[in-house]
Every structure is written in structure tokens, then in C-alpha cells.
Amino acid sequence: MQEFSESEDLWKVTEIEEADYGCEECGPDGPKALVFLENGSGEARQQEIPEKILAAKGIQEGSVLRFGEDGELL
């Protein structure tokens, strides 16, 4: 696992919650989770990420993530 640094480019997962949608609204990526993130500067944000991506990448609370300029998870 990558270490969390003071870089604004890295975001630490502080909490993961199930997004509050019914199955009819899941879309082609399946159910999404609401991921709470914080960077090294203390900025916080939330991002919906498909649960299948979280599972495939082994993302859990405490994981450190990086996003591209387009907001996509790298």
C-alpha cells in the first residue's frame, strides 16, 4: 500500500458508505459506494465509485488513492 504524504494529489480513504440508490438506478457500472476522502492539506471530498472497482483494486478505509485531472481514479 502506498504511504499517505502531504501531497494534494493523494487522497486517503477515511470512510466508505453504501450509496443510497435503488437497484433500478445503479447504471451500467452496478452499485456505487460513497467514498469519503482527505488529502494531506486537510481538504475533504466525497466521490462515488463503483463497488466493483473498489473490490478489484482492493480499496478500503485507509487506502491512498490518486485521481486524474478528469476525476477518474488512477
Protein backbone atom coordinates (compact mmCIF):
# COMPACT_ATOMS: atom_id res chain seq x y z
CA MET A 1 0.00 0.00 0.00
CA GLN A 2 1.17 3.48 -0.82
CA GLU A 3 2.04 5.76 2.10
CA PHE A 4 -0.02 8.88 2.72
CA SER A 5 2.00 12.05 2.25
CA GLU A 6 1.31 15.76 2.36
CA SER A 7 0.71 15.80 -1.41
CA GLU A 8 -2.58 17.29 -2.55
CA ASP A 9 -2.56 14.71 -5.38
CA LEU A 10 -3.05 11.82 -2.95
CA TRP A 11 -6.33 11.21 -1.18
CA LYS A 12 -6.74 8.93 1.83
CA VAL A 13 -9.99 6.98 2.16
CA THR A 14 -11.44 7.89 5.55
CA GLU A 15 -14.82 6.16 5.20
CA ILE A 16 -16.80 4.09 2.71
CA GLU A 17 -20.60 4.01 2.75
CA GLU A 18 -23.13 2.31 0.54
CA ALA A 19 -24.63 4.88 -1.82
CA ASP A 20 -28.33 5.36 -1.19
CA TYR A 21 -29.83 4.25 -4.50
CA GLY A 22 -32.31 1.59 -5.51
CA CYS A 23 -31.14 -1.09 -7.95
CA GLU A 24 -33.12 0.50 -10.78
CA GLU A 25 -30.75 3.49 -10.60
CA CYS A 26 -27.44 1.58 -10.48
CA GLY A 27 -26.50 2.14 -14.10
CA PRO A 28 -24.11 0.07 -16.19
CA ASP A 29 -21.31 0.07 -13.58
CA GLY A 30 -23.51 -1.54 -10.94
CA PRO A 31 -23.94 -0.28 -7.38
CA LYS A 32 -21.72 2.55 -6.22
CA ALA A 33 -20.21 3.36 -2.86
CA LEU A 34 -19.83 6.84 -1.42
CA VAL A 35 -16.13 7.24 -0.59
CA PHE A 36 -15.01 9.97 1.82
CA LEU A 37 -11.50 11.27 1.10
CA GLU A 38 -8.99 13.62 2.70
CA ASN A 39 -5.72 14.92 1.27
CA GLY A 40 -2.50 15.93 3.03
CA SER A 41 -3.67 19.54 3.24
CA GLY A 42 -6.77 18.52 5.20
CA GLU A 43 -9.17 19.13 2.32
CA ALA A 44 -12.09 16.70 2.29
CA ARG A 45 -14.25 15.49 -0.57
CA GLN A 46 -16.65 12.71 -1.45
CA GLN A 47 -16.64 10.60 -4.59
CA GLU A 48 -19.00 7.88 -5.80
CA ILE A 49 -17.01 4.88 -7.02
CA PRO A 50 -18.49 1.66 -8.39
CA GLU A 51 -18.24 -1.12 -5.81
CA LYS A 52 -16.75 -3.46 -8.41
CA ILE A 53 -13.78 -1.06 -8.85
CA LEU A 54 -13.28 -0.84 -5.08
CA ALA A 55 -13.20 -4.64 -4.89
CA ALA A 56 -10.96 -5.10 -7.95
CA LYS A 57 -8.39 -2.60 -6.66
CA GLY A 58 -8.65 -3.73 -3.03
CA ILE A 59 -9.66 -0.25 -1.90
CA GLN A 60 -10.73 0.02 1.73
CA GLU A 61 -10.67 2.57 4.54
CA GLY A 62 -7.08 3.77 4.93
CA SER A 63 -6.19 3.22 1.25
CA VAL A 64 -4.45 6.09 -0.55
CA LEU A 65 -5.82 7.00 -3.97
CA ARG A 66 -4.81 9.24 -6.84
CA PHE A 67 -7.24 10.78 -9.32
CA GLY A 68 -6.56 12.11 -12.81
CA GLU A 69 -7.40 15.64 -13.91
CA ASP A 70 -10.71 14.31 -15.22
CA GLY A 71 -11.59 12.99 -11.75
CA GLU A 72 -11.12 9.36 -12.74
CA LEU A 73 -9.43 7.02 -10.29
CA LEU A 74 -5.90 6.12 -11.41
